[in-house]
Amino acid sequence: MNLALERVCQTVIGGEAHSVRKRVARRIIKCARSGKTTVEELTNAGERAVMRFTRSQRTSLSGDAGRLAS
C-alpha cells in the first residue's frame, strides 16, 4: 500500500500535500479492503482518487470564477 501511495503522489503536482496524500491513502485502503491488493490495483485506485480530487477542485474553482464575475 505504501508503494502505491508513493507512486501516485510522486506523479501529481502537490502530491506531497497532506490533503492529497490522505485522500489517496483512503482510496487505496478501501480498495485493499475490497480484496484488490496487487500494487497495480492499489495504484489505479489511488490514481482515480487524484482524478476525482482534481475534478472537484476544477468544479470548485469554476464556481468561484462565476461568482467573482457577477
Protein backbone atom coordinates (compact mmCIF):
# COMPACT_ATOMS: atom_id res chain seq x y z
CA MET A 1 0.00 0.00 0.00
CA ASN A 2 2.87 2.37 0.78
CA LEU A 3 4.39 1.71 -2.63
CA ALA A 4 1.11 2.52 -4.39
CA LEU A 5 0.72 5.70 -2.32
CA GLU A 6 4.24 6.86 -3.17
CA ARG A 7 3.85 6.03 -6.86
CA VAL A 8 0.66 8.04 -7.15
CA CYS A 9 1.79 11.01 -5.09
CA GLN A 10 5.09 11.31 -6.97
CA THR A 11 3.23 11.81 -10.24
CA VAL A 12 0.90 14.54 -9.01
CA ILE A 13 1.67 18.21 -8.64
CA GLY A 14 1.18 18.90 -4.95
CA GLY A 15 1.29 15.18 -4.18
CA GLU A 16 3.30 15.90 -1.04
CA ALA A 17 0.37 17.84 0.47
CA HIS A 18 -1.27 16.13 3.43
CA SER A 19 -4.78 16.55 2.00
CA VAL A 20 -3.82 14.86 -1.27
CA ARG A 21 -1.96 12.01 0.40
CA LYS A 22 -4.82 11.46 2.83
CA ARG A 23 -7.41 11.26 0.04
CA VAL A 24 -5.25 8.86 -1.99
CA ALA A 25 -4.48 6.71 1.05
CA ARG A 26 -8.16 6.39 1.95
CA ARG A 27 -9.00 5.21 -1.56
CA ILE A 28 -6.11 2.72 -1.52
CA ILE A 29 -7.24 1.33 1.84
CA LYS A 30 -10.82 1.00 0.58
CA CYS A 31 -9.53 -0.87 -2.46
CA ALA A 32 -7.45 -3.24 -0.32
CA ARG A 33 -10.40 -3.95 1.99
CA SER A 34 -12.46 -4.95 -1.04
CA GLY A 35 -9.89 -7.66 -1.80
CA LYS A 36 -7.96 -5.91 -4.55
CA THR A 37 -4.43 -5.98 -3.22
CA THR A 38 -1.98 -6.01 -6.10
CA VAL A 39 0.25 -2.96 -6.44
CA GLU A 40 -1.34 -2.25 -9.82
CA GLU A 41 -4.90 -2.35 -8.43
CA LEU A 42 -3.97 -0.18 -5.46
CA THR A 43 -2.12 2.31 -7.67
CA ASN A 44 -5.09 2.51 -10.04
CA ALA A 45 -7.39 3.21 -7.10
CA GLY A 46 -5.08 5.98 -5.93
CA GLU A 47 -4.96 7.48 -9.40
CA ARG A 48 -8.76 7.51 -9.55
CA ALA A 49 -8.81 9.36 -6.22
CA VAL A 50 -6.49 12.00 -7.68
CA MET A 51 -8.70 12.39 -10.76
CA ARG A 52 -11.76 12.86 -8.55
CA PHE A 53 -9.91 15.33 -6.35
CA THR A 54 -8.65 17.27 -9.37
CA ARG A 55 -12.11 17.30 -10.95
CA SER A 56 -13.72 18.56 -7.73
CA GLN A 57 -11.07 21.29 -7.45
CA ARG A 58 -11.76 22.44 -11.03
CA THR A 59 -15.50 22.47 -10.39
CA SER A 60 -14.98 24.48 -7.23
CA LEU A 61 -12.72 26.95 -9.00
CA SER A 62 -15.08 27.41 -11.93
CA GLY A 63 -17.90 28.08 -9.48
CA ASP A 64 -15.77 30.69 -7.75
CA ALA A 65 -14.94 32.34 -11.08
CA GLY A 66 -18.63 32.58 -11.91
CA ARG A 67 -19.37 34.22 -8.58
CA LEU A 68 -16.46 36.63 -8.99
CA ALA A 69 -17.59 37.64 -12.48
CA SER A 70 -21.09 38.62 -11.31
